[in-house]
């Protein structure tokens, strides 16, 4: 476990792929440097397959997004892969603004993220528009009158 005042990171593996479970804030001076330092340390040790679990990330800002983009580029340049899963509905606006899904692979759950590392497995890709639409209340016929 790696702990910062605002971000806790637990490390584990699933089918040989390193997964970091994030819990807390990923903001400027509140976890962004902690995540970057840990991931760079894993990278320096030869890790080229990494998944980040965002199920318990309560807040993220542009500094947090910047760290994710930096790390994704570093992995991609070395022939590796970085993926995310379990993005919160609360964060969809910042993900949309940053167009994060165009740069980093995003999956709905852990099994899809893990399966994406194995070319022979079918994987359901995360679609931010589908996600947003599924969480927006729909108008009923009586509301339209």
Protein backbone atom coordinates (compact mmCIF):
# COMPACT_ATOMS: atom_id res chain seq x y z
CA UNK A 1 0.00 0.00 0.00
CA UNK A 2 1.16 3.50 -0.87
CA UNK A 3 -0.37 6.34 1.08
CA UNK A 4 -0.56 10.07 0.60
CA UNK A 5 -2.74 12.31 2.76
CA UNK A 6 -5.37 12.38 -0.01
CA UNK A 7 -4.72 9.22 -2.06
CA UNK A 8 -4.25 5.60 -1.07
CA UNK A 9 -2.91 3.17 -3.69
CA UNK A 10 -3.08 -0.60 -3.29
CA UNK A 11 -1.11 -2.76 -5.71
CA UNK A 12 -2.16 -6.24 -6.83
CA UNK A 13 -2.05 -8.50 -9.87
CA UNK A 14 -4.66 -10.20 -12.01
CA UNK A 15 -3.45 -12.70 -14.62
CA UNK A 16 0.04 -11.20 -14.47
CA UNK A 17 -1.10 -7.62 -15.03
CA UNK A 18 -0.41 -5.03 -12.34
CA UNK A 19 -3.52 -3.27 -11.04
CA UNK A 20 -3.44 -0.18 -8.87
CA UNK A 21 -6.60 0.43 -6.82
CA UNK A 22 -6.88 4.17 -6.20
CA UNK A 23 -8.84 5.57 -3.27
CA UNK A 24 -9.16 9.31 -2.70
CA UNK A 25 -8.33 12.44 -4.65
CA UNK A 26 -6.21 12.74 -7.77
CA UNK A 27 -5.58 16.48 -7.82
CA UNK A 28 -2.69 18.91 -7.92
CA UNK A 29 -0.55 18.27 -4.84
CA UNK A 30 -3.19 15.81 -3.59
CA UNK A 31 -2.13 12.48 -5.00
CA UNK A 32 -1.05 13.34 -8.54
CA UNK A 33 2.67 13.20 -7.69
CA UNK A 34 2.18 10.07 -5.58
CA UNK A 35 0.58 8.23 -8.49
CA UNK A 36 3.18 9.47 -10.98
CA UNK A 37 6.09 8.47 -8.74
CA UNK A 38 4.69 4.99 -8.08
CA UNK A 39 3.90 4.30 -11.73
CA UNK A 40 7.30 5.59 -12.87
CA UNK A 41 8.93 3.29 -10.29
CA UNK A 42 6.96 0.31 -11.66
CA UNK A 43 7.90 1.37 -15.19
CA UNK A 44 11.61 1.60 -14.26
CA UNK A 45 11.34 -1.95 -12.86
CA UNK A 46 10.15 -3.18 -16.28
CA UNK A 47 6.37 -2.99 -15.89
CA UNK A 48 4.73 -2.40 -19.28
CA UNK A 49 1.17 -3.56 -18.49
CA UNK A 50 -0.78 -1.49 -16.00
CA UNK A 51 -4.43 -1.02 -15.10
CA UNK A 52 -5.74 1.73 -12.81
CA UNK A 53 -8.98 1.17 -10.85
CA UNK A 54 -10.88 4.44 -10.47
CA UNK A 55 -13.86 3.03 -8.54
CA UNK A 56 -12.96 4.99 -5.40
CA UNK A 57 -11.46 8.17 -6.86
CA UNK A 58 -13.59 10.91 -5.33
CA UNK A 59 -12.11 13.89 -7.17
CA UNK A 60 -9.86 14.56 -10.13
CA UNK A 61 -8.68 17.80 -11.69
CA UNK A 62 -6.63 18.82 -14.71
CA UNK A 63 -3.37 18.01 -12.90
CA UNK A 64 -4.64 14.47 -12.31
CA UNK A 65 -5.68 14.18 -15.95
CA UNK A 66 -2.26 15.51 -16.96
CA UNK A 67 -0.51 12.79 -14.97
CA UNK A 68 -2.68 10.12 -16.63
CA UNK A 69 -1.92 11.47 -20.09
CA UNK A 70 1.82 11.65 -19.32
CA UNK A 71 1.91 8.07 -18.00
CA UNK A 72 -0.16 6.71 -20.90
CA UNK A 73 2.24 8.30 -23.39
CA UNK A 74 5.25 6.91 -21.52
CA UNK A 75 3.81 3.38 -21.61
CA UNK A 76 2.80 3.68 -25.26
CA UNK A 77 6.25 4.96 -26.30
CA UNK A 78 7.83 1.90 -24.66
CA UNK A 79 5.43 -0.51 -26.38
CA UNK A 80 3.38 -0.99 -23.21
CA UNK A 81 -0.23 -0.32 -22.27
CA UNK A 82 -2.04 1.61 -19.58
CA UNK A 83 -5.78 1.13 -19.11
CA UNK A 84 -8.40 2.49 -16.71
CA UNK A 85 -11.66 1.07 -15.45
CA UNK A 86 -14.62 1.92 -13.27
CA UNK A 87 -14.78 5.64 -14.01
CA UNK A 88 -17.30 7.49 -11.88
CA UNK A 89 -20.27 9.29 -13.39
CA UNK A 90 -19.21 12.32 -11.32
CA UNK A 91 -16.07 12.64 -13.45
CA UNK A 92 -17.55 12.23 -16.92
CA UNK A 93 -17.47 15.96 -17.70
CA UNK A 94 -13.73 16.31 -17.11
CA UNK A 95 -13.04 13.06 -19.01
CA UNK A 96 -15.12 14.36 -21.92
CA UNK A 97 -13.39 17.76 -21.90
CA UNK A 98 -9.93 16.16 -21.86
CA UNK A 99 -11.02 13.59 -24.50
CA UNK A 100 -9.30 11.07 -22.25
CA UNK A 101 -10.94 8.11 -23.97
CA UNK A 102 -9.13 9.00 -27.21
CA UNK A 103 -5.72 8.62 -25.54
CA UNK A 104 -6.20 6.04 -22.78
CA UNK A 105 -8.13 2.81 -23.03
CA UNK A 106 -11.10 2.94 -20.65
CA UNK A 107 -13.21 -0.05 -19.62
CA UNK A 108 -16.36 -0.44 -17.58
CA UNK A 109 -15.00 -3.14 -15.27
CA UNK A 110 -11.87 -5.04 -14.27
CA UNK A 111 -12.53 -8.18 -16.30
CA UNK A 112 -12.88 -6.17 -19.53
CA UNK A 113 -9.70 -4.23 -18.73
CA UNK A 114 -7.74 -7.43 -18.03
CA UNK A 115 -9.15 -9.20 -21.10
CA UNK A 116 -8.03 -6.26 -23.28
CA UNK A 117 -4.42 -7.35 -22.69
CA UNK A 118 -5.12 -10.70 -24.33
CA UNK A 119 -5.77 -10.35 -28.10
CA UNK A 120 -7.74 -13.60 -28.36
CA UNK A 121 -10.40 -12.45 -25.87
CA UNK A 122 -13.47 -10.44 -26.81
CA UNK A 123 -13.67 -7.15 -24.96
CA UNK A 124 -16.51 -4.67 -24.63
CA UNK A 125 -15.02 -1.21 -25.15
CA UNK A 126 -16.06 1.66 -22.92
CA UNK A 127 -18.18 4.24 -24.67
CA UNK A 128 -18.40 7.50 -22.73
CA UNK A 129 -21.50 8.61 -24.66
CA UNK A 130 -23.36 5.40 -23.80
CA UNK A 131 -22.33 5.83 -20.18
CA UNK A 132 -23.54 9.45 -19.99
CA UNK A 133 -26.81 8.63 -21.72
CA UNK A 134 -27.46 5.74 -19.35
CA UNK A 135 -27.12 8.08 -16.35
CA UNK A 136 -29.22 10.99 -17.64
CA UNK A 137 -32.86 10.88 -16.53
CA UNK A 138 -35.17 10.44 -19.50
CA UNK A 139 -38.27 12.62 -19.87
CA UNK A 140 -41.55 10.82 -19.60
CA UNK A 141 -44.44 11.60 -21.93
CA UNK A 142 -46.20 13.56 -19.15
CA UNK A 143 -43.07 15.73 -18.67
CA UNK A 144 -43.18 16.77 -22.32
CA UNK A 145 -46.70 18.27 -22.10
